[in-house]
C-alpha atoms as a PDB file:
ATOM      1  CA  UNK A   1     108.105  44.444  34.727  1.00  0.00           C
ATOM      2  CA  UNK A   2     108.281  46.049  31.100  1.00  0.00           C
ATOM      3  CA  UNK A   3     109.111  43.912  28.140  1.00  0.00           C
ATOM      4  CA  UNK A   4     112.452  45.578  27.286  1.00  0.00           C
ATOM      5  CA  UNK A   5     113.390  44.998  31.379  1.00  0.00           C
ATOM      6  CA  UNK A   6     113.014  41.305  30.315  1.00  0.00           C
ATOM      7  CA  UNK A   7     115.040  41.432  28.005  1.00  0.00           C
ATOM      8  CA  UNK A   8     117.756  43.256  29.257  1.00  0.00           C
ATOM      9  CA  UNK A   9     118.058  40.886  32.487  1.00  0.00           C
ATOM     10  CA  UNK A  10     117.458  37.444  29.917  1.00  0.00           C
ATOM     11  CA  UNK A  11     119.926  38.357  27.527  1.00  0.00           C
ATOM     12  CA  UNK A  12     122.846  36.864  29.122  1.00  0.00           C
ATOM     13  CA  UNK A  13     121.452  33.762  30.416  1.00  0.00           C
ATOM     14  CA  UNK A  14     120.327  33.552  26.946  1.00  0.00           C
ATOM     15  CA  UNK A  15     123.221  33.280  25.993  1.00  0.00           C
ATOM     16  CA  UNK A  16     125.053  30.911  28.311  1.00  0.00           C
ATOM     17  CA  UNK A  17     122.084  28.543  26.677  1.00  0.00           C
ATOM     18  CA  UNK A  18     122.072  28.615  24.011  1.00  0.00           C
ATOM     19  CA  UNK A  19     126.007  28.827  23.878  1.00  0.00           C
ATOM     20  CA  UNK A  20     125.047  24.446  25.984  1.00  0.00           C
ATOM     21  CA  UNK A  21     123.245  23.922  23.092  1.00  0.00           C
ATOM     22  CA  UNK A  22     125.815  24.734  20.893  1.00  0.00           C
ATOM     23  CA  UNK A  23     128.021  22.458  22.770  1.00  0.00           C
ATOM     24  CA  UNK A  24     125.502  19.589  23.346  1.00  0.00           C
ATOM     25  CA  UNK A  25     124.351  19.688  19.911  1.00  0.00           C
ATOM     26  CA  UNK A  26     128.025  19.868  18.168  1.00  0.00           C
ATOM     27  CA  UNK A  27     128.690  16.688  20.370  1.00  0.00           C
ATOM     28  CA  UNK A  28     126.155  14.877  19.121  1.00  0.00           C
ATOM     29  CA  UNK A  29     126.521  15.803  16.056  1.00  0.00           C
ATOM     30  CA  UNK A  30     130.455  15.884  15.432  1.00  0.00           C
ATOM     31  CA  UNK A  31     130.728  12.922  18.089  1.00  0.00           C
ATOM     32  CA  UNK A  32     127.987  10.458  16.477  1.00  0.00           C
ATOM     33  CA  UNK A  33     127.377   9.560  20.357  1.00  0.00           C
ATOM     34  CA  UNK A  34     124.760   6.738  21.019  1.00  0.00           C
ATOM     35  CA  UNK A  35     124.103   5.054  24.220  1.00  0.00           C
ATOM     36  CA  UNK A  36     122.971   7.180  27.518  1.00  0.00           C
ATOM     37  CA  UNK A  37     125.299  10.161  25.992  1.00  0.00           C
ATOM     38  CA  UNK A  38     123.392  10.564  23.361  1.00  0.00           C
ATOM     39  CA  UNK A  39     120.347  10.439  26.060  1.00  0.00           C
ATOM     40  CA  UNK A  40     122.194  12.433  27.484  1.00  0.00           C
ATOM     41  CA  UNK A  41     122.858  15.328  25.159  1.00  0.00           C
ATOM     42  CA  UNK A  42     118.834  14.969  24.006  1.00  0.00           C
ATOM     43  CA  UNK A  43     117.910  15.771  27.973  1.00  0.00           C
ATOM     44  CA  UNK A  44     120.075  18.967  27.639  1.00  0.00           C
ATOM     45  CA  UNK A  45     118.673  19.770  24.608  1.00  0.00           C
ATOM     46  CA  UNK A  46     115.215  19.637  25.719  1.00  0.00           C
ATOM     47  CA  UNK A  47     115.560  21.337  28.553  1.00  0.00           C
ATOM     48  CA  UNK A  48     117.182  24.443  26.510  1.00  0.00           C
ATOM     49  CA  UNK A  49     113.958  24.647  24.560  1.00  0.00           C
ATOM     50  CA  UNK A  50     111.727  24.627  27.288  1.00  0.00           C
ATOM     51  CA  UNK A  51     113.768  27.519  28.700  1.00  0.00           C
ATOM     52  CA  UNK A  52     113.483  29.186  24.895  1.00  0.00           C
ATOM     53  CA  UNK A  53     109.671  28.648  25.263  1.00  0.00           C
ATOM     54  CA  UNK A  54     109.431  29.672  28.320  1.00  0.00           C
ATOM     55  CA  UNK A  55     111.486  32.671  27.293  1.00  0.00           C
ATOM     56  CA  UNK A  56     108.924  33.308  24.273  1.00  0.00           C
ATOM     57  CA  UNK A  57     105.979  32.906  26.638  1.00  0.00           C
ATOM     58  CA  UNK A  58     107.500  35.842  28.276  1.00  0.00           C
ATOM     59  CA  UNK A  59     108.176  38.121  25.731  1.00  0.00           C
ATOM     60  CA  UNK A  60     104.308  36.734  24.662  1.00  0.00           C
ATOM     61  CA  UNK A  61     102.862  38.049  28.195  1.00  0.00           C
ATOM     62  CA  UNK A  62     104.974  41.187  28.667  1.00  0.00           C
ATOM     63  CA  UNK A  63     104.835  42.659  24.846  1.00  0.00           C
ATOM     64  CA  UNK A  64     102.054  45.814  25.191  1.00  0.00           C
ATOM     65  CA  UNK A  65     100.351  44.775  22.061  1.00  0.00           C
ATOM     66  CA  UNK A  66     100.315  41.223  22.018  1.00  0.00           C
ATOM     67  CA  UNK A  67      98.748  40.541  18.824  1.00  0.00           C
ATOM     68  CA  UNK A  68     101.254  42.749  16.844  1.00  0.00           C
ATOM     69  CA  UNK A  69     103.950  41.246  18.535  1.00  0.00           C
ATOM     70  CA  UNK A  70     103.123  37.694  18.015  1.00  0.00           C
ATOM     71  CA  UNK A  71     102.616  38.861  14.116  1.00  0.00           C
ATOM     72  CA  UNK A  72     106.096  40.115  13.922  1.00  0.00           C
ATOM     73  CA  UNK A  73     107.720  37.159  15.850  1.00  0.00           C
ATOM     74  CA  UNK A  74     105.923  34.133  14.254  1.00  0.00           C
ATOM     75  CA  UNK A  75     109.359  33.331  13.573  1.00  0.00           C
ATOM     76  CA  UNK A  76     109.687  32.598  17.368  1.00  0.00           C
ATOM     77  CA  UNK A  77     106.521  30.906  17.330  1.00  0.00           C
ATOM     78  CA  UNK A  78     108.604  28.478  14.799  1.00  0.00           C
ATOM     79  CA  UNK A  79     111.578  28.081  16.289  1.00  0.00           C
ATOM     80  CA  UNK A  80     110.139  27.144  19.337  1.00  0.00           C
ATOM     81  CA  UNK A  81     107.133  24.831  18.175  1.00  0.00           C
ATOM     82  CA  UNK A  82     108.418  22.456  15.169  1.00  0.00           C
ATOM     83  CA  UNK A  83     112.205  20.687  15.698  1.00  0.00           C
ATOM     84  CA  UNK A  84     112.184  20.743  12.450  1.00  0.00           C
ATOM     85  CA  UNK A  85     113.371  24.585  12.862  1.00  0.00           C
ATOM     86  CA  UNK A  86     115.881  23.529  15.833  1.00  0.00           C
ATOM     87  CA  UNK A  87     119.172  25.147  14.337  1.00  0.00           C
ATOM     88  CA  UNK A  88     117.887  28.190  14.417  1.00  0.00           C
ATOM     89  CA  UNK A  89     117.454  28.417  17.833  1.00  0.00           C
ATOM     90  CA  UNK A  90     121.078  28.865  18.032  1.00  0.00           C
ATOM     91  CA  UNK A  91     120.319  32.237  15.917  1.00  0.00           C
ATOM     92  CA  UNK A  92     119.704  33.895  19.707  1.00  0.00           C
ATOM     93  CA  UNK A  93     123.354  33.678  20.170  1.00  0.00           C
ATOM     94  CA  UNK A  94     123.425  37.055  17.882  1.00  0.00           C
ATOM     95  CA  UNK A  95     123.596  38.306  21.723  1.00  0.00           C
ATOM     96  CA  UNK A  96     127.354  37.133  21.693  1.00  0.00           C
ATOM     97  CA  UNK A  97     127.367  39.611  18.442  1.00  0.00           C
ATOM     98  CA  UNK A  98     125.965  43.047  21.010  1.00  0.00           C
ATOM     99  CA  UNK A  99     129.129  41.732  23.335  1.00  0.00           C
ATOM    100  CA  UNK A 100     131.819  42.203  21.296  1.00  0.00           C
ATOM    101  CA  UNK A 101     129.734  45.234  19.534  1.00  0.00           C
ATOM    102  CA  UNK A 102     130.558  47.187  23.170  1.00  0.00           C
ATOM    103  CA  UNK A 103     133.316  45.352  23.742  1.00  0.00           C
ATOM    104  CA  UNK A 104     135.416  46.382  20.372  1.00  0.00           C
ATOM    105  CA  UNK A 105     133.810  50.035  20.484  1.00  0.00           C
ATOM    106  CA  UNK A 106     131.600  52.629  18.545  1.00  0.00           C
ATOM    107  CA  UNK A 107     133.799  52.618  15.898  1.00  0.00           C
ATOM    108  CA  UNK A 108     132.505  52.053  11.873  1.00  0.00           C
ATOM    109  CA  UNK A 109     135.392  49.595  11.061  1.00  0.00           C
ATOM    110  CA  UNK A 110     135.295  48.043  15.071  1.00  0.00           C
ATOM    111  CA  UNK A 111     130.944  47.277  14.242  1.00  0.00           C
ATOM    112  CA  UNK A 112     131.972  45.558  10.477  1.00  0.00           C
ATOM    113  CA  UNK A 113     134.533  43.906  11.735  1.00  0.00           C
ATOM    114  CA  UNK A 114     132.625  42.325  14.367  1.00  0.00           C
ATOM    115  CA  UNK A 115     129.023  42.100  12.690  1.00  0.00           C
ATOM    116  CA  UNK A 116     130.658  40.681   9.603  1.00  0.00           C
ATOM    117  CA  UNK A 117     132.899  38.335  11.899  1.00  0.00           C
ATOM    118  CA  UNK A 118     130.832  36.948  13.891  1.00  0.00           C
ATOM    119  CA  UNK A 119     127.970  36.900  11.744  1.00  0.00           C
ATOM    120  CA  UNK A 120     130.080  34.581   8.811  1.00  0.00           C
ATOM    121  CA  UNK A 121     131.326  32.487  11.703  1.00  0.00           C
ATOM    122  CA  UNK A 122     128.161  31.656  13.678  1.00  0.00           C
ATOM    123  CA  UNK A 123     126.502  30.905  10.338  1.00  0.00           C
ATOM    124  CA  UNK A 124     128.600  28.787   8.376  1.00  0.00           C
ATOM    125  CA  UNK A 125     129.780  26.254  11.874  1.00  0.00           C
ATOM    126  CA  UNK A 126     125.832  26.325  12.971  1.00  0.00           C
ATOM    127  CA  UNK A 127     125.458  25.248   8.728  1.00  0.00           C
ATOM    128  CA  UNK A 128     127.931  22.652   8.844  1.00  0.00           C
ATOM    129  CA  UNK A 129     126.827  21.317  11.750  1.00  0.00           C
ATOM    130  CA  UNK A 130     122.906  21.475  10.311  1.00  0.00           C
ATOM    131  CA  UNK A 131     123.752  19.999   7.129  1.00  0.00           C
ATOM    132  CA  UNK A 132     126.334  17.611   8.668  1.00  0.00           C
ATOM    133  CA  UNK A 133     122.935  15.891  11.208  1.00  0.00           C
ATOM    134  CA  UNK A 134     120.718  15.351   8.413  1.00  0.00           C
ATOM    135  CA  UNK A 135     123.986  13.879   5.437  1.00  0.00           C
ATOM    136  CA  UNK A 136     126.166  11.718   7.170  1.00  0.00           C
ATOM    137  CA  UNK A 137     123.828   9.066   7.664  1.00  0.00           C
ATOM    138  CA  UNK A 138     121.932   9.872   3.890  1.00  0.00           C
ATOM    139  CA  UNK A 139     122.687   6.532   1.383  1.00  0.00           C
ATOM    140  CA  UNK A 140     125.455   8.082  -1.574  1.00  0.00           C
ATOM    141  CA  UNK A 141     125.905  11.067   1.047  1.00  0.00           C
ATOM    142  CA  UNK A 142     128.204  13.418   0.162  1.00  0.00           C
ATOM    143  CA  UNK A 143     128.920  15.490   3.152  1.00  0.00           C
ATOM    144  CA  UNK A 144     130.112  12.536   6.455  1.00  0.00           C
ATOM    145  CA  UNK A 145     132.640  14.467   8.178  1.00  0.00           C
ATOM    146  CA  UNK A 146     132.878  17.479   9.731  1.00  0.00           C
ATOM    147  CA  UNK A 147     135.608  18.615   7.893  1.00  0.00           C
ATOM    148  CA  UNK A 148     133.234  18.143   5.156  1.00  0.00           C
ATOM    149  CA  UNK A 149     130.727  20.363   6.075  1.00  0.00           C
ATOM    150  CA  UNK A 150     132.778  23.151   7.180  1.00  0.00           C
ATOM    151  CA  UNK A 151     134.631  23.255   3.493  1.00  0.00           C
ATOM    152  CA  UNK A 152     130.706  22.944   1.827  1.00  0.00           C
ATOM    153  CA  UNK A 153     129.434  25.612   4.591  1.00  0.00           C
ATOM    154  CA  UNK A 154     132.098  28.169   3.794  1.00  0.00           C
ATOM    155  CA  UNK A 155     132.097  27.672   0.130  1.00  0.00           C
ATOM    156  CA  UNK A 156     128.430  27.813   0.031  1.00  0.00           C
ATOM    157  CA  UNK A 157     127.807  31.082   1.817  1.00  0.00           C
ATOM    158  CA  UNK A 158     130.027  32.860  -0.232  1.00  0.00           C
ATOM    159  CA  UNK A 159     128.125  31.732  -3.017  1.00  0.00           C
ATOM    160  CA  UNK A 160     131.405  30.086  -4.728  1.00  0.00           C
ATOM    161  CA  UNK A 161     129.775  26.453  -5.020  1.00  0.00           C
ATOM    162  CA  UNK A 162     132.836  24.649  -5.788  1.00  0.00           C
ATOM    163  CA  UNK A 163     130.407  21.376  -6.047  1.00  0.00           C
ATOM    164  CA  UNK A 164     132.330  19.411  -5.812  1.00  0.00           C
ATOM    165  CA  UNK A 165     130.026  18.721  -2.132  1.00  0.00           C
ATOM    166  CA  UNK A 166     126.296  18.625  -1.859  1.00  0.00           C
ATOM    167  CA  UNK A 167     123.283  17.729   0.165  1.00  0.00           C
ATOM    168  CA  UNK A 168     121.390  14.900  -1.091  1.00  0.00           C
ATOM    169  CA  UNK A 169     118.266  15.169   1.095  1.00  0.00           C
ATOM    170  CA  UNK A 170     115.545  17.287   0.955  1.00  0.00           C
ATOM    171  CA  UNK A 171     116.736  18.642   4.372  1.00  0.00           C
ATOM    172  CA  UNK A 172     119.840  19.073   3.987  1.00  0.00           C
ATOM    173  CA  UNK A 173     118.904  20.862   0.425  1.00  0.00           C
ATOM    174  CA  UNK A 174     117.040  23.447   2.420  1.00  0.00           C
ATOM    175  CA  UNK A 175     120.167  24.086   5.114  1.00  0.00           C
ATOM    176  CA  UNK A 176     121.922  25.063   1.521  1.00  0.00           C
ATOM    177  CA  UNK A 177     118.891  27.233   0.426  1.00  0.00           C
ATOM    178  CA  UNK A 178     119.018  29.171   3.955  1.00  0.00           C
ATOM    179  CA  UNK A 179     123.003  29.467   4.321  1.00  0.00           C
ATOM    180  CA  UNK A 180     122.927  31.219   0.773  1.00  0.00           C
ATOM    181  CA  UNK A 181     120.150  33.616   1.404  1.00  0.00           C
ATOM    182  CA  UNK A 182     121.636  34.379   4.212  1.00  0.00           C
ATOM    183  CA  UNK A 183     125.533  34.196   2.639  1.00  0.00           C
ATOM    184  CA  UNK A 184     123.829  36.850   0.670  1.00  0.00           C
ATOM    185  CA  UNK A 185     122.161  38.808   3.449  1.00  0.00           C
ATOM    186  CA  UNK A 186     124.968  39.332   5.584  1.00  0.00           C
ATOM    187  CA  UNK A 187     127.322  40.639   2.627  1.00  0.00           C
ATOM    188  CA  UNK A 188     123.729  42.864   1.698  1.00  0.00           C
ATOM    189  CA  UNK A 189     124.699  44.716   5.263  1.00  0.00           C
ATOM    190  CA  UNK A 190     128.353  44.429   4.891  1.00  0.00           C
ATOM    191  CA  UNK A 191     127.518  47.305   1.463  1.00  0.00           C
ATOM    192  CA  UNK A 192     124.939  49.501   2.602  1.00  0.00           C
ATOM    193  CA  UNK A 193     127.190  49.999   5.747  1.00  0.00           C
ATOM    194  CA  UNK A 194     129.655  50.843   3.594  1.00  0.00           C
ATOM    195  CA  UNK A 195     127.480  53.277   1.557  1.00  0.00           C
ATOM    196  CA  UNK A 196     126.500  54.424   4.418  1.00  0.00           C
ATOM    197  CA  UNK A 197     129.778  55.810   5.768  1.00  0.00           C
ATOM    198  CA  UNK A 198     131.074  56.626   2.675  1.00  0.00           C
ATOM    199  CA  UNK A 199     128.102  59.372   1.866  1.00  0.00           C
ATOM    200  CA  UNK A 200     128.298  60.699   5.227  1.00  0.00           C
ATOM    201  CA  UNK A 201     132.567  60.608   4.573  1.00  0.00           C
ATOM    202  CA  UNK A 202     131.365  63.369   1.403  1.00  0.00           C
ATOM    203  CA  UNK A 203     129.031  64.843   4.055  1.00  0.00           C
ATOM    204  CA  UNK A 204     131.603  65.745   6.771  1.00  0.00           C
ATOM    205  CA  UNK A 205     134.349  66.358   4.250  1.00  0.00           C
ATOM    206  CA  UNK A 206     131.755  68.936   2.137  1.00  0.00           C
ATOM    207  CA  UNK A 207     131.081  70.783   5.508  1.00  0.00           C
ATOM    208  CA  UNK A 208     134.387  71.052   6.342  1.00  0.00           C
ATOM    209  CA  UNK A 209     135.533  72.257   2.741  1.00  0.00           C
ATOM    210  CA  UNK A 210     132.703  74.833   3.019  1.00  0.00           C
ATOM    211  CA  UNK A 211     134.146  75.639   6.214  1.00  0.00           C
ATOM    212  CA  UNK A 212     137.560  76.124   5.643  1.00  0.00           C
ATOM    213  CA  UNK A 213     136.445  78.416   2.381  1.00  0.00           C
ATOM    214  CA  UNK A 214     134.056  80.723   4.431  1.00  0.00           C
ATOM    215  CA  UNK A 215     136.190  81.180   7.261  1.00  0.00           C
ATOM    216  CA  UNK A 216     138.968  83.770   5.218  1.00  0.00           C
ATOM    217  CA  UNK A 217     135.674  85.673   4.397  1.00  0.00           C
ATOM    218  CA  UNK A 218     134.139  86.009   7.285  1.00  0.00           C
ATOM    219  CA  UNK A 219     137.492  86.942   8.965  1.00  0.00           C
ATOM    220  CA  UNK A 220     137.636  89.217   5.789  1.00  0.00           C
ATOM    221  CA  UNK A 221     134.234  91.095   6.451  1.00  0.00           C
ATOM    222  CA  UNK A 222     134.870  91.093  10.467  1.00  0.00           C
ATOM    223  CA  UNK A 223     137.609  93.411  10.094  1.00  0.00           C
ATOM    224  CA  UNK A 224     136.739  95.565   7.472  1.00  0.00           C
ATOM    225  CA  UNK A 225     133.554  95.929  10.043  1.00  0.00           C
ATOM    226  CA  UNK A 226     136.242  96.982  12.511  1.00  0.00           C
ATOM    227  CA  UNK A 227     138.069  99.188  10.115  1.00  0.00           C
ATOM    228  CA  UNK A 228     134.349 101.023   9.231  1.00  0.00           C
ATOM    229  CA  UNK A 229     133.804 100.946  13.389  1.00  0.00           C
ATOM    230  CA  UNK A 230     136.671 102.979  13.598  1.00  0.00           C
ATOM    231  CA  UNK A 231     136.348 105.075  10.450  1.00  0.00           C
ATOM    232  CA  UNK A 232     133.134 106.477  12.245  1.00  0.00           C
ATOM    233  CA  UNK A 233     134.653 106.855  15.481  1.00  0.00           C
ATOM    234  CA  UNK A 234     137.335 108.681  14.303  1.00  0.00           C
ATOM    235  CA  UNK A 235     134.651 110.697  11.862  1.00  0.00           C
ATOM    236  CA  UNK A 236     132.620 111.714  14.697  1.00  0.00           C
ATOM    237  CA  UNK A 237     135.485 112.748  17.213  1.00  0.00           C
ATOM    238  CA  UNK A 238     137.012 115.703  13.911  1.00  0.00           C
ATOM    239  CA  UNK A 239     132.766 116.606  15.134  1.00  0.00           C
ATOM    240  CA  UNK A 240     133.352 117.662  18.047  1.00  0.00           C
ATOM    241  CA  UNK A 241     136.345 118.790  17.757  1.00  0.00           C
ATOM    242  CA  UNK A 242     134.948 121.023  14.889  1.00  0.00           C
ATOM    243  CA  UNK A 243     131.831 121.561  17.003  1.00  0.00           C
ATOM    244  CA  UNK A 244     131.896 125.905  18.781  1.00  0.00           C
END
């Protein structure tokens, strides 16, 4: 089996696994689960971690150039190896965006709307969960409810930053930095896509205008060629008539 074939087969199972992890993680953070519920949710998250670890191992094994794939996918290793980076596993939910992309269609506006809305919503939700997870129990914490965390994530990813809510823990500040960078990246992708679309439209318009200008000229040339051919035939006929 090739790596691409495996990726195609594993796309939906991994998406389902990521959704299960998202649900368990959100329940644990927002619901502040304890006792047997907390143990069950932790077991579910560890099970999804095992699945993602196996996925990484299989991808590495099936890669044509394993060392090259390993170097180019060091972030995958960090996501699997370090519990600190556990929320980053939610990035596998980008498979949801590809499904939405196929559903919406191939139009430019459909692609931009899907990627921007999906990426922004996912980043806001994940960022809110991550910062609430590390902030809600910290002394002098400003972000103690999911509503606060969601508002903070929205103002952070848009780089507005009102300053009414902010993380006080080192890990919370790292989450904030990652969310800011993600917001800038999403905006950059949108800007680049719009610029590319505008350039393409200008090129298409220029070609259309050129064709519109050339078409009458081509028509006149064709008419002149036809008239010349007709004159040649008439001259040939006159020569034949005058010959003894």
